[in-house]
Amino acid sequence: MDISWEFSVGWFVLGLLILIAGGLVVIFYRQISENLASGVSSYDRVKLFGLIGCGVGLLIMMNLHTLLLRFFVSLIIR
């Protein structure tokens, strides 16, 4: 099982953009929820999606998504 980590500038930039987008969703969740979702009832849901976006952005920034995908695929296919 060859699972190795390597840094990639392209993935870093893409992850940084996703992290910034998730951060903007967390900052402006009220306006997003009122204009695009069902208002006050979806404040927490929109903020949760922003936090999930921040987490995914961090994983992609550190190029850990490929490491995790290789690990899970190697568990399934042996």
C-alpha atoms as a PDB file:
ATOM      1  CA  MET A   1       0.000   0.000   0.000  1.00  0.00           C
ATOM      2  CA  ASP A   2       1.837   3.097  -1.261  1.00  0.00           C
ATOM      3  CA  ILE A   3       0.277   6.137   0.375  1.00  0.00           C
ATOM      4  CA  SER A   4       2.532   9.167   0.109  1.00  0.00           C
ATOM      5  CA  TRP A   5       1.930  12.891   0.476  1.00  0.00           C
ATOM      6  CA  GLU A   6       3.269  15.552  -1.845  1.00  0.00           C
ATOM      7  CA  PHE A   7       2.674  19.307  -2.006  1.00  0.00           C
ATOM      8  CA  SER A   8       1.060  20.830  -5.089  1.00  0.00           C
ATOM      9  CA  VAL A   9       0.782  24.573  -5.745  1.00  0.00           C
ATOM     10  CA  GLY A  10      -2.276  24.117  -7.974  1.00  0.00           C
ATOM     11  CA  TRP A  11      -4.239  22.252  -5.312  1.00  0.00           C
ATOM     12  CA  PHE A  12      -3.091  24.834  -2.745  1.00  0.00           C
ATOM     13  CA  VAL A  13      -4.522  27.704  -4.789  1.00  0.00           C
ATOM     14  CA  LEU A  14      -7.779  25.845  -5.486  1.00  0.00           C
ATOM     15  CA  GLY A  15      -8.135  24.961  -1.801  1.00  0.00           C
ATOM     16  CA  LEU A  16      -7.455  28.564  -0.826  1.00  0.00           C
ATOM     17  CA  LEU A  17     -10.203  29.753  -3.175  1.00  0.00           C
ATOM     18  CA  ILE A  18     -12.654  27.204  -1.719  1.00  0.00           C
ATOM     19  CA  LEU A  19     -11.636  28.249   1.805  1.00  0.00           C
ATOM     20  CA  ILE A  20     -12.237  31.921   0.986  1.00  0.00           C
ATOM     21  CA  ALA A  21     -15.640  31.115  -0.541  1.00  0.00           C
ATOM     22  CA  GLY A  22     -16.621  29.083   2.545  1.00  0.00           C
ATOM     23  CA  GLY A  23     -15.429  31.893   4.806  1.00  0.00           C
ATOM     24  CA  LEU A  24     -17.526  34.406   2.885  1.00  0.00           C
ATOM     25  CA  VAL A  25     -20.569  32.147   3.256  1.00  0.00           C
ATOM     26  CA  VAL A  26     -19.957  31.983   7.026  1.00  0.00           C
ATOM     27  CA  ILE A  27     -19.532  35.766   7.261  1.00  0.00           C
ATOM     28  CA  PHE A  28     -22.568  36.663   5.144  1.00  0.00           C
ATOM     29  CA  TYR A  29     -24.831  33.739   6.090  1.00  0.00           C
ATOM     30  CA  ARG A  30     -27.748  35.985   7.083  1.00  0.00           C
ATOM     31  CA  GLN A  31     -27.896  37.807   3.763  1.00  0.00           C
ATOM     32  CA  ILE A  32     -27.415  34.566   1.811  1.00  0.00           C
ATOM     33  CA  SER A  33     -30.125  32.835   3.804  1.00  0.00           C
ATOM     34  CA  GLU A  34     -32.630  35.655   3.440  1.00  0.00           C
ATOM     35  CA  ASN A  35     -32.069  36.097  -0.293  1.00  0.00           C
ATOM     36  CA  LEU A  36     -31.398  32.553  -1.521  1.00  0.00           C
ATOM     37  CA  ALA A  37     -32.880  30.231   1.119  1.00  0.00           C
ATOM     38  CA  SER A  38     -36.009  30.251   3.254  1.00  0.00           C
ATOM     39  CA  GLY A  39     -34.993  33.039   5.631  1.00  0.00           C
ATOM     40  CA  VAL A  40     -34.419  32.776   9.370  1.00  0.00           C
ATOM     41  CA  SER A  41     -35.220  29.061   9.486  1.00  0.00           C
ATOM     42  CA  SER A  42     -32.154  28.239   7.393  1.00  0.00           C
ATOM     43  CA  TYR A  43     -29.504  30.421   9.112  1.00  0.00           C
ATOM     44  CA  ASP A  44     -27.805  27.478  10.795  1.00  0.00           C
ATOM     45  CA  ARG A  45     -27.949  25.309   7.683  1.00  0.00           C
ATOM     46  CA  VAL A  46     -26.271  27.967   5.511  1.00  0.00           C
ATOM     47  CA  LYS A  47     -23.603  28.540   8.174  1.00  0.00           C
ATOM     48  CA  LEU A  48     -23.010  24.767   8.381  1.00  0.00           C
ATOM     49  CA  PHE A  49     -22.521  24.574   4.598  1.00  0.00           C
ATOM     50  CA  GLY A  50     -19.988  27.405   4.866  1.00  0.00           C
ATOM     51  CA  LEU A  51     -18.092  25.585   7.620  1.00  0.00           C
ATOM     52  CA  ILE A  52     -18.110  22.358   5.594  1.00  0.00           C
ATOM     53  CA  GLY A  53     -16.728  24.355   2.665  1.00  0.00           C
ATOM     54  CA  CYS A  54     -13.954  25.698   4.903  1.00  0.00           C
ATOM     55  CA  GLY A  55     -13.056  22.164   6.004  1.00  0.00           C
ATOM     56  CA  VAL A  56     -13.013  20.856   2.444  1.00  0.00           C
ATOM     57  CA  GLY A  57     -10.927  23.853   1.391  1.00  0.00           C
ATOM     58  CA  LEU A  58      -8.376  23.107   4.116  1.00  0.00           C
ATOM     59  CA  LEU A  59      -8.170  19.455   3.070  1.00  0.00           C
ATOM     60  CA  ILE A  60      -7.633  20.420  -0.552  1.00  0.00           C
ATOM     61  CA  MET A  61      -5.121  23.141   0.385  1.00  0.00           C
ATOM     62  CA  MET A  62      -2.943  20.628   2.191  1.00  0.00           C
ATOM     63  CA  ASN A  63      -3.461  18.077  -0.616  1.00  0.00           C
ATOM     64  CA  LEU A  64      -4.884  15.600   1.884  1.00  0.00           C
ATOM     65  CA  HIS A  65      -7.937  14.826  -0.228  1.00  0.00           C
ATOM     66  CA  THR A  66      -5.899  12.630  -2.578  1.00  0.00           C
ATOM     67  CA  LEU A  67      -4.303  10.880   0.398  1.00  0.00           C
ATOM     68  CA  LEU A  68      -7.727  10.160   1.929  1.00  0.00           C
ATOM     69  CA  LEU A  69      -9.194   9.010  -1.393  1.00  0.00           C
ATOM     70  CA  ARG A  70      -6.269   6.641  -2.014  1.00  0.00           C
ATOM     71  CA  PHE A  71      -6.645   5.251   1.501  1.00  0.00           C
ATOM     72  CA  PHE A  72     -10.391   4.581   1.160  1.00  0.00           C
ATOM     73  CA  VAL A  73     -10.028   3.103  -2.330  1.00  0.00           C
ATOM     74  CA  SER A  74      -7.237   0.831  -1.079  1.00  0.00           C
ATOM     75  CA  LEU A  75      -9.564  -0.376   1.686  1.00  0.00           C
ATOM     76  CA  ILE A  76     -12.231  -1.284  -0.857  1.00  0.00           C
ATOM     77  CA  ILE A  77      -9.967  -2.670  -3.595  1.00  0.00           C
ATOM     78  CA  ARG A  78      -7.254  -4.974  -2.323  1.00  0.00           C
END
